[in-house]
Amino acid sequence: MSSDTVSSETPTGETFEESNSRDDAESVLATAKRQLERAAAHLDIDPNTIERLRHPAQVHQVTVPLRRDDGSVEMFTGYRAQHNGVRGPYKGGLRYHPEVTAEESVGLAMLMTWKCAVMDLPFGGAKGGVVVDPKSLSTEETERLTRRFAQELRSVVGPNHDIPAPDLGTDAQTMAWFMDAYSMQEGETTPGVVTGKPPLIGGSHGREEAPGRSVALVTREACEYYEIDLGSATVAVQGFGSVGATAAKLLDEWGATIVAVSDVNGAAYDESGLDVQSIPSHDVEPEAVTKSAPETIPNGELLTLDVDVLIPAAVGNVLTEANASEVGAELIVEGANGPTTSDADETFVERGIPVIPDVLANAGGVTVSYFEWLQDINRRAWSLERVNRELEAEMMAAWTDVRAVFDDRDVTWREAAYVVALSRLADAHRFRGHWP
């Protein structure tokens, strides 16, 4: 799976069963609004701008008929929420999941707005999906559903209006079908209508690895900031999908000791360091993590190990009021979207444990999606080396901006990131004015 998530624009290696089992401490929409209010408290911004940002620009609901393999027709509901386009086209993932709702789509779209603004990308936030269990569909049914969904959304998406991407339950093939359906209706190949496609039809090299790469880059910078020697640092990574595996392997290359990694089956642990380079990601071989382990421990125990850095890169709301007081890490870098509840955040502030937020750390996904969009509209592909070089430059610029706010104000890293985002959004609204 690959995502523009908050959300991702981020792949996390989350399995369908994991996403169904999590206990959401608060709704995504409530989280997005809470972060907006907290950031606004640190800035002198027109209250009318804040009020505008509390609401989506548009929420589209469509009915998607699907002819099943047995010849019957079943109706599904789809959504596309477009939050704020003041800085550019809407951007965000499309997910196939039985719990997709209009409210969730709005909340995730808001969080995408903040993420794009933190990274200073010329996009606003969007999100959407179809209320369906993707495991209940054959490959042929998934293709037919995707093509019809693309047709239903045709009037509200486009390379200069709203650019979807993969998310939970969708992937590069889904985006290829979506792009082809849109292009057939437009009468011309339009690769820029989506990102996260296979490179052979306009996708970008390095897109799958981008969120994990950005997590590793931000971890490196955060360790330097807190004078943690990366060459001797111990790291635990929850989630060994594309985000966690990429981050763990890069940090291992840079000298860190990865003592624990996990997937839905459990955690591999070795206090002297795991050979993570030899462990396939969960996406490639679902049982590989526990099979490779000299010792296994429960997933929850991984979160409380005495390590220098903890990277929760699996699912949301795993660091909660119940376990925050037991976390043994000196530094937390969020690889997943929303792994830390607000109660846990407060505990970490009290304990003096810094948390680098997902909106910055895993923003490599949406950043390389931006690169893909640039390649598509310019009809010029970039090499993997250029993608990685440009990604590092963008991540370092964003890190510098957030660090400056963190150093200058009495705020957490999360609040600093949202202050950066809100400042840019407020300035854009001020310059563009109010219509009518």
Protein backbone atom coordinates (compact mmCIF):
# COMPACT_ATOMS: atom_id res chain seq x y z
CA MET A 1 0.00 0.00 0.00
CA SER A 2 1.09 3.52 -0.67
CA SER A 3 -0.40 6.71 0.61
CA ASP A 4 -0.74 10.42 0.45
CA THR A 5 -1.75 10.31 3.92
CA VAL A 6 -1.80 11.91 6.93
CA SER A 7 -1.15 10.25 4.93
CA SER A 8 -1.05 10.54 4.99
CA GLU A 9 0.14 10.97 2.40
CA THR A 10 2.08 8.07 3.98
CA PRO A 11 2.36 4.21 3.60
CA THR A 12 2.68 2.63 7.03
CA GLY A 13 2.58 -1.09 6.43
CA GLU A 14 -0.77 -1.14 8.22
CA THR A 15 -2.78 -4.24 7.45
CA PHE A 16 -6.53 -4.26 7.03
CA GLU A 17 -6.97 -6.17 10.29
CA GLU A 18 -4.79 -3.65 12.15
CA SER A 19 -6.81 -0.69 10.94
CA ASN A 20 -10.03 -2.30 12.08
CA SER A 21 -8.71 -3.14 15.55
CA ARG A 22 -7.39 0.23 16.60
CA ASP A 23 -9.22 2.28 19.24
CA ASP A 24 -9.48 5.84 17.96
CA ALA A 25 -9.14 8.08 21.01
CA GLU A 26 -10.72 11.00 19.17
CA SER A 27 -12.00 11.54 15.67
CA VAL A 28 -9.61 12.68 12.96
CA LEU A 29 -11.75 15.78 12.46
CA ALA A 30 -11.57 16.65 16.16
CA THR A 31 -7.78 16.21 16.05
CA ALA A 32 -7.45 18.49 13.03
CA LYS A 33 -9.56 21.22 14.62
CA ARG A 34 -7.73 20.90 17.94
CA GLN A 35 -4.37 21.36 16.22
CA LEU A 36 -5.73 24.41 14.39
CA GLU A 37 -6.88 26.03 17.63
CA ARG A 38 -3.61 25.28 19.43
CA ALA A 39 -1.54 26.81 16.65
CA ALA A 40 -3.84 29.84 16.40
CA ALA A 41 -3.29 30.54 20.11
CA HIS A 42 0.38 31.27 19.33
CA LEU A 43 -0.28 33.62 16.42
CA ASP A 44 -1.98 36.95 15.82
CA ILE A 45 -4.27 35.88 12.99
CA ASP A 46 -7.59 37.24 11.79
CA PRO A 47 -10.28 35.14 13.53
CA ASN A 48 -12.18 35.03 10.25
CA THR A 49 -9.30 33.14 8.67
CA ILE A 50 -9.37 30.61 11.49
CA GLU A 51 -13.11 30.20 11.02
CA ARG A 52 -12.63 29.55 7.30
CA LEU A 53 -10.02 26.90 8.03
CA ARG A 54 -12.37 25.08 10.39
CA HIS A 55 -14.59 24.12 7.45
CA PRO A 56 -14.03 22.25 4.17
CA ALA A 57 -14.52 24.02 0.87
CA GLN A 58 -16.53 21.13 -0.54
CA VAL A 59 -17.51 17.56 0.30
CA HIS A 60 -18.64 15.40 -2.61
CA GLN A 61 -20.67 12.24 -2.11
CA VAL A 62 -21.25 9.87 -5.03
CA THR A 63 -22.89 6.53 -5.60
CA VAL A 64 -20.69 4.02 -7.38
CA PRO A 65 -22.45 1.06 -9.06
CA LEU A 66 -20.33 -2.06 -9.44
CA ARG A 67 -21.12 -5.08 -11.56
CA ARG A 68 -19.87 -8.04 -9.55
CA ASP A 69 -18.27 -11.06 -11.15
CA ASP A 70 -21.52 -13.02 -10.77
CA GLY A 71 -23.40 -10.43 -12.84
CA SER A 72 -25.19 -8.72 -9.94
CA VAL A 73 -24.92 -4.96 -9.41
CA GLU A 74 -24.02 -3.57 -5.99
CA MET A 75 -24.05 0.09 -4.99
CA PHE A 76 -21.21 1.68 -3.02
CA THR A 77 -20.81 5.17 -1.54
CA GLY A 78 -17.78 7.30 -2.30
CA TYR A 79 -16.53 10.61 -0.88
CA ARG A 80 -14.08 13.33 -1.80
CA ALA A 81 -13.51 16.13 0.71
CA GLN A 82 -11.64 19.24 -0.44
CA HIS A 83 -10.56 21.33 2.50
CA ASN A 84 -8.63 24.43 1.44
CA GLY A 85 -7.21 25.42 -1.94
CA VAL A 86 -5.78 28.83 -1.13
CA ARG A 87 -2.20 27.67 -1.82
CA GLY A 88 -2.92 25.48 -4.85
CA PRO A 89 -4.74 22.35 -6.08
CA TYR A 90 -6.19 19.95 -3.55
CA LYS A 91 -4.00 16.94 -2.75
CA GLY A 92 -4.65 13.76 -0.82
CA GLY A 93 -5.28 10.04 -0.87
CA LEU A 94 -8.16 7.80 -1.89
CA ARG A 95 -8.82 4.85 0.41
CA TYR A 96 -10.95 1.74 0.06
CA HIS A 97 -12.17 0.82 3.52
CA PRO A 98 -15.53 -0.12 5.09
CA GLU A 99 -15.24 2.70 7.64
CA VAL A 100 -14.74 5.60 5.22
CA THR A 101 -17.06 8.47 6.18
CA ALA A 102 -17.63 12.06 5.16
CA GLU A 103 -16.43 13.27 8.58
CA GLU A 104 -13.23 11.21 8.44
CA SER A 105 -12.56 12.46 4.91
CA VAL A 106 -12.94 16.08 6.04
CA GLY A 107 -10.62 15.56 9.00
CA LEU A 108 -7.96 13.85 6.90
CA ALA A 109 -8.27 16.58 4.25
CA MET A 110 -7.64 19.21 6.93
CA LEU A 111 -4.55 17.38 8.13
CA MET A 112 -3.32 17.21 4.53
CA THR A 113 -3.71 20.99 4.31
CA TRP A 114 -1.47 21.41 7.36
CA LYS A 115 1.08 18.89 6.03
CA CYS A 116 1.37 20.55 2.62
CA ALA A 117 1.78 23.94 4.29
CA VAL A 118 4.48 22.66 6.67
CA MET A 119 6.41 21.43 3.63
CA ASP A 120 5.66 24.68 1.74
CA LEU A 121 4.14 22.73 -1.15
CA PRO A 122 1.73 24.56 -3.48
CA PHE A 123 -1.19 22.30 -2.56
CA GLY A 124 -4.21 22.27 -0.30
CA GLY A 125 -5.64 19.24 1.44
CA ALA A 126 -8.11 16.65 0.18
CA LYS A 127 -9.11 13.11 1.07
CA GLY A 128 -11.70 10.56 0.08
CA GLY A 129 -12.52 7.01 -0.71
CA VAL A 130 -15.12 4.31 -1.16
CA VAL A 131 -16.95 2.52 1.64
CA VAL A 132 -15.88 -1.01 0.74
CA ASP A 133 -13.81 -3.88 2.07
CA PRO A 134 -11.16 -4.20 -0.66
CA LYS A 135 -10.53 -7.82 0.36
CA SER A 136 -14.09 -8.63 -0.71
CA LEU A 137 -13.33 -7.61 -4.31
CA SER A 138 -11.64 -9.58 -7.04
CA THR A 139 -8.97 -7.82 -9.08
CA GLU A 140 -11.46 -7.35 -11.91
CA GLU A 141 -14.06 -5.91 -9.52
CA THR A 142 -11.51 -3.52 -8.04
CA GLU A 143 -10.67 -2.27 -11.52
CA ARG A 144 -14.33 -1.77 -12.45
CA LEU A 145 -15.03 0.00 -9.14
CA THR A 146 -12.03 2.30 -9.60
CA ARG A 147 -12.90 3.21 -13.18
CA ARG A 148 -16.48 4.04 -12.25
CA PHE A 149 -15.36 6.01 -9.20
CA ALA A 150 -13.03 8.01 -11.45
CA GLN A 151 -15.96 8.78 -13.72
CA GLU A 152 -18.13 9.90 -10.79
CA LEU A 153 -15.36 12.23 -9.56
CA ARG A 154 -14.32 13.41 -13.01
CA SER A 155 -15.83 16.89 -12.65
CA VAL A 156 -14.11 17.58 -9.31
CA VAL A 157 -10.60 16.23 -9.90
CA GLY A 158 -7.87 17.16 -12.36
CA PRO A 159 -4.16 18.03 -12.48
CA ASN A 160 -4.86 21.68 -11.70
CA HIS A 161 -7.78 21.14 -9.35
CA ASP A 162 -7.54 17.99 -7.19
CA ILE A 163 -4.89 15.27 -7.43
CA PRO A 164 -5.66 11.98 -5.66
CA ALA A 165 -3.07 9.42 -4.57
CA PRO A 166 -3.01 5.91 -3.08
CA ASP A 167 -4.02 5.34 0.51
CA LEU A 168 -5.28 2.50 2.71
CA GLY A 169 -6.63 -0.28 0.48
CA THR A 170 -5.38 1.26 -2.78
CA ASP A 171 -2.04 1.19 -4.56
CA ALA A 172 -0.12 2.13 -7.70
CA GLN A 173 -2.30 -0.13 -9.86
CA THR A 174 -5.44 1.57 -8.53
CA MET A 175 -4.01 4.93 -9.52
CA ALA A 176 -3.12 3.60 -12.97
CA TRP A 177 -6.73 2.53 -13.53
CA PHE A 178 -8.02 5.86 -12.20
CA MET A 179 -5.69 7.82 -14.47
CA ASP A 180 -6.61 5.74 -17.51
CA ALA A 181 -10.36 6.14 -16.90
CA TYR A 182 -9.99 9.90 -16.48
CA SER A 183 -7.76 10.16 -19.56
CA MET A 184 -10.19 8.18 -21.74
CA GLN A 185 -12.99 10.57 -20.84
CA GLU A 186 -10.80 13.62 -21.43
CA GLY A 187 -9.61 12.30 -24.77
CA GLU A 188 -5.94 12.68 -23.90
CA THR A 189 -3.45 11.02 -21.56
CA THR A 190 -3.42 13.03 -18.35
CA PRO A 191 -0.88 11.46 -15.98
CA GLY A 192 -0.95 14.45 -13.61
CA VAL A 193 -4.50 13.71 -12.45
CA VAL A 194 -3.12 11.32 -9.80
CA THR A 195 0.20 10.54 -8.17
CA GLY A 196 1.56 7.27 -6.87
CA LYS A 197 1.39 5.61 -10.31
CA PRO A 198 3.89 3.06 -11.65
CA PRO A 199 6.93 4.89 -13.10
CA LEU A 200 6.29 3.44 -16.58
CA ILE A 201 3.13 5.55 -16.90
CA GLY A 202 4.24 8.75 -15.21
CA GLY A 203 4.93 7.72 -11.65
CA SER A 204 8.04 8.87 -9.83
CA HIS A 205 11.04 6.82 -8.80
CA GLY A 206 11.41 6.81 -5.02
CA ARG A 207 7.73 7.41 -4.27
CA GLU A 208 7.17 4.21 -2.28
CA GLU A 209 10.22 4.77 -0.09
CA ALA A 210 9.73 8.52 0.38
CA PRO A 211 7.81 8.57 3.71
CA GLY A 212 10.30 6.20 5.33
CA ARG A 213 13.22 8.15 3.91
CA SER A 214 11.85 11.38 5.35
CA VAL A 215 11.37 9.71 8.75
CA ALA A 216 15.01 8.66 8.69
CA LEU A 217 16.19 12.12 7.64
CA VAL A 218 14.20 13.84 10.39
CA THR A 219 15.40 11.28 12.95
CA ARG A 220 18.99 12.04 11.96
CA GLU A 221 18.43 15.78 12.41
CA ALA A 222 16.56 15.37 15.69
CA CYS A 223 19.34 13.18 17.09
CA GLU A 224 21.87 15.86 16.21
CA TYR A 225 19.67 18.53 17.81
CA TYR A 226 19.48 16.58 21.07
CA GLU A 227 23.14 15.54 20.90
CA ILE A 228 22.32 11.85 20.50
CA ASP A 229 25.16 10.20 18.60
CA LEU A 230 23.43 8.43 15.71
CA GLY A 231 26.40 6.09 15.37
CA SER A 232 25.73 4.64 18.80
CA ALA A 233 22.00 5.29 19.08
CA THR A 234 19.56 2.45 19.75
CA VAL A 235 16.30 2.52 17.81
CA ALA A 236 13.00 0.61 18.03
CA VAL A 237 10.63 0.71 15.06
CA GLN A 238 7.01 -0.37 15.37
CA GLY A 239 5.72 -1.34 11.93
CA PHE A 240 7.89 -2.88 9.23
CA GLY A 241 5.90 -1.85 6.18
CA SER A 242 7.30 0.52 3.59
CA VAL A 243 7.68 3.37 6.10
CA GLY A 244 9.20 1.47 9.01
CA ALA A 245 11.39 -0.81 6.89
CA THR A 246 12.80 2.04 4.81
CA ALA A 247 13.49 4.17 7.89
CA ALA A 248 15.09 1.29 9.81
CA LYS A 249 17.37 0.27 6.94
CA LEU A 250 18.54 3.83 6.28
CA LEU A 251 19.26 4.48 9.95
CA ASP A 252 21.11 1.17 10.09
CA GLU A 253 23.23 2.28 7.11
CA TRP A 254 24.00 5.51 8.96
CA GLY A 255 25.29 3.63 11.99
CA ALA A 256 22.31 3.35 14.33
CA THR A 257 21.62 0.08 16.12
CA ILE A 258 18.10 -1.16 15.35
CA VAL A 259 17.26 -3.30 18.37
CA ALA A 260 13.60 -4.03 17.58
CA VAL A 261 11.20 -4.01 14.63
CA SER A 262 7.67 -5.34 14.43
CA ASP A 263 4.68 -6.12 12.29
CA VAL A 264 1.18 -7.31 13.14
CA ASN A 265 2.54 -10.75 14.09
CA GLY A 266 4.90 -9.48 16.79
CA ALA A 267 8.28 -7.87 17.31
CA ALA A 268 11.81 -9.08 16.66
CA TYR A 269 14.25 -8.03 19.39
CA ASP A 270 17.99 -8.18 19.84
CA GLU A 271 19.62 -5.75 22.26
CA SER A 272 22.89 -6.02 20.31
CA GLY A 273 21.19 -5.06 17.04
CA LEU A 274 19.14 -6.77 14.34
CA ASP A 275 20.36 -7.37 10.79
CA VAL A 276 17.49 -5.33 9.37
CA GLN A 277 19.02 -5.27 5.90
CA SER A 278 18.23 -8.98 5.57
CA ILE A 279 14.61 -8.73 6.77
CA PRO A 280 12.04 -8.24 3.98
CA SER A 281 9.36 -5.66 4.69
CA HIS A 282 5.91 -6.80 5.78
CA ASP A 283 4.60 -5.90 2.30
CA VAL A 284 7.07 -8.29 0.66
CA GLU A 285 6.95 -11.18 3.16
CA PRO A 286 4.30 -10.87 5.90
CA GLU A 287 5.92 -13.39 8.28
CA ALA A 288 9.52 -12.25 7.82
CA VAL A 289 9.91 -10.14 10.98
CA THR A 290 9.11 -12.83 13.52
CA LYS A 291 10.79 -15.57 11.47
CA SER A 292 14.07 -13.64 11.53
CA ALA A 293 14.03 -12.92 15.23
CA PRO A 294 16.53 -14.34 17.72
CA GLU A 295 13.91 -13.30 20.28
CA THR A 296 10.32 -12.12 19.93
CA ILE A 297 8.39 -9.76 22.17
CA PRO A 298 4.81 -8.43 22.04
CA ASN A 299 4.20 -5.34 19.93
CA GLY A 300 3.19 -3.35 22.98
CA GLU A 301 6.44 -4.17 24.75
CA LEU A 302 8.43 -2.71 21.87
CA LEU A 303 6.93 0.70 22.68
CA THR A 304 8.36 0.65 26.20
CA LEU A 305 11.92 -0.50 25.44
CA ASP A 306 14.80 1.50 26.90
CA VAL A 307 16.11 2.98 23.63
CA ASP A 308 17.34 6.32 22.38
CA VAL A 309 14.75 6.63 19.61
CA LEU A 310 11.27 5.16 19.23
CA ILE A 311 9.64 5.29 15.77
CA PRO A 312 5.96 4.26 15.83
CA ALA A 313 5.40 3.56 12.12
CA ALA A 314 2.43 1.19 12.13
CA VAL A 315 -1.01 2.59 12.97
CA GLY A 316 -2.64 5.46 14.82
CA ASN A 317 -3.19 5.87 18.56
CA VAL A 318 -0.64 3.34 19.81
CA LEU A 319 0.93 5.75 22.31
CA THR A 320 -1.84 6.46 24.79
CA GLU A 321 -2.47 7.59 28.33
CA ALA A 322 -2.22 3.92 29.34
CA ASN A 323 1.37 3.36 28.18
CA ALA A 324 2.92 6.84 27.85
CA SER A 325 4.34 6.74 31.36
CA GLU A 326 6.15 3.47 30.53
CA VAL A 327 7.81 4.60 27.29
CA GLY A 328 11.57 4.33 27.73
CA ALA A 329 12.78 6.27 24.68
CA GLU A 330 14.57 9.61 24.89
CA LEU A 331 13.10 10.75 21.57
CA ILE A 332 9.97 9.81 19.57
CA VAL A 333 9.70 10.34 15.81
CA GLU A 334 6.25 9.63 14.38
CA GLY A 335 6.33 7.51 11.24
CA ALA A 336 2.64 6.57 11.24
CA ASN A 337 -0.18 9.07 11.01
CA GLY A 338 -1.43 10.04 14.46
CA PRO A 339 0.31 7.38 16.58
CA THR A 340 0.20 9.60 19.70
CA THR A 341 -3.04 10.53 21.44
CA SER A 342 -3.47 13.98 22.98
CA ASP A 343 -3.33 12.48 26.50
CA ALA A 344 -0.04 10.74 25.69
CA ASP A 345 1.30 13.98 24.22
CA GLU A 346 0.67 15.74 27.52
CA THR A 347 2.43 12.95 29.41
CA PHE A 348 5.47 13.20 27.14
CA VAL A 349 5.61 16.97 27.72
CA GLU A 350 5.54 16.37 31.48
CA ARG A 351 8.27 13.72 31.16
CA GLY A 352 10.42 15.86 28.86
CA ILE A 353 10.33 13.40 25.96
CA PRO A 354 10.30 15.29 22.64
CA VAL A 355 7.91 14.06 19.95
CA ILE A 356 8.66 14.95 16.32
CA PRO A 357 5.21 14.97 14.68
CA ASP A 358 4.00 12.96 11.72
CA VAL A 359 3.01 16.11 9.85
CA LEU A 360 6.73 16.78 9.42
CA ALA A 361 8.44 13.42 9.81
CA ASN A 362 6.52 11.35 7.27
CA ALA A 363 5.88 14.18 4.80
CA GLY A 364 8.23 12.62 2.27
CA GLY A 365 5.24 10.91 0.66
CA VAL A 366 3.38 14.07 -0.29
CA THR A 367 6.66 15.78 -1.17
CA VAL A 368 7.61 13.15 -3.74
CA SER A 369 4.00 13.19 -4.93
CA TYR A 370 4.62 16.86 -5.66
CA PHE A 371 7.76 15.88 -7.56
CA GLU A 372 5.72 13.33 -9.53
CA TRP A 373 3.15 15.98 -10.40
CA LEU A 374 5.91 18.30 -11.60
CA GLN A 375 7.37 15.51 -13.75
CA ASP A 376 3.94 14.78 -15.23
CA ILE A 377 2.99 18.34 -16.14
CA ASN A 378 6.46 18.98 -17.58
CA ARG A 379 6.63 15.56 -19.31
CA ARG A 380 10.16 15.04 -17.98
CA ALA A 381 11.14 12.19 -15.67
CA TRP A 382 13.65 12.54 -12.84
CA SER A 383 16.24 9.98 -11.84
CA LEU A 384 16.04 8.30 -8.44
CA GLU A 385 19.17 10.17 -7.44
CA ARG A 386 17.54 13.50 -8.22
CA VAL A 387 14.35 12.57 -6.39
CA ASN A 388 16.28 11.63 -3.25
CA ARG A 389 18.47 14.73 -3.49
CA GLU A 390 15.47 17.04 -3.90
CA LEU A 391 13.59 15.26 -1.10
CA GLU A 392 16.45 15.75 1.33
CA ALA A 393 16.64 19.44 0.42
CA GLU A 394 12.91 19.91 1.03
CA MET A 395 12.99 18.00 4.31
CA MET A 396 15.96 19.99 5.58
CA ALA A 397 14.23 23.27 4.70
CA ALA A 398 11.07 22.20 6.53
CA TRP A 399 13.07 20.95 9.52
CA THR A 400 14.91 24.29 9.71
CA ASP A 401 11.63 26.25 9.62
CA VAL A 402 10.00 24.15 12.34
CA ARG A 403 13.14 24.14 14.48
CA ALA A 404 13.30 27.94 14.34
CA VAL A 405 9.75 28.20 15.74
CA PHE A 406 10.52 25.56 18.37
CA ASP A 407 13.60 27.50 19.48
CA ASP A 408 11.87 30.89 19.50
CA ARG A 409 8.60 29.99 21.22
CA ASP A 410 7.51 28.02 24.26
CA VAL A 411 5.89 25.27 22.18
CA THR A 412 6.20 21.56 21.49
CA TRP A 413 7.53 20.25 18.18
CA ARG A 414 3.97 19.46 17.13
CA GLU A 415 2.80 22.96 17.91
CA ALA A 416 5.84 24.42 16.12
CA ALA A 417 4.96 22.50 12.95
CA TYR A 418 1.37 23.68 13.04
CA VAL A 419 2.45 27.28 13.70
CA VAL A 420 4.57 27.11 10.54
CA ALA A 421 1.66 25.69 8.57
CA LEU A 422 -0.93 28.11 9.89
CA SER A 423 1.32 31.12 9.31
CA ARG A 424 1.65 30.21 5.63
CA LEU A 425 -2.05 29.56 5.22
CA ALA A 426 -2.98 32.81 6.96
CA ASP A 427 -0.58 34.80 4.78
CA ALA A 428 -2.05 33.23 1.65
CA HIS A 429 -5.57 34.10 2.75
CA ARG A 430 -4.52 37.65 3.62
CA PHE A 431 -2.96 38.25 0.21
CA ARG A 432 -5.79 36.64 -1.75
CA GLY A 433 -8.51 38.30 0.31
CA HIS A 434 -12.09 37.20 0.83
CA TRP A 435 -14.56 36.44 -1.97
CA PRO A 436 -17.07 38.01 -2.28
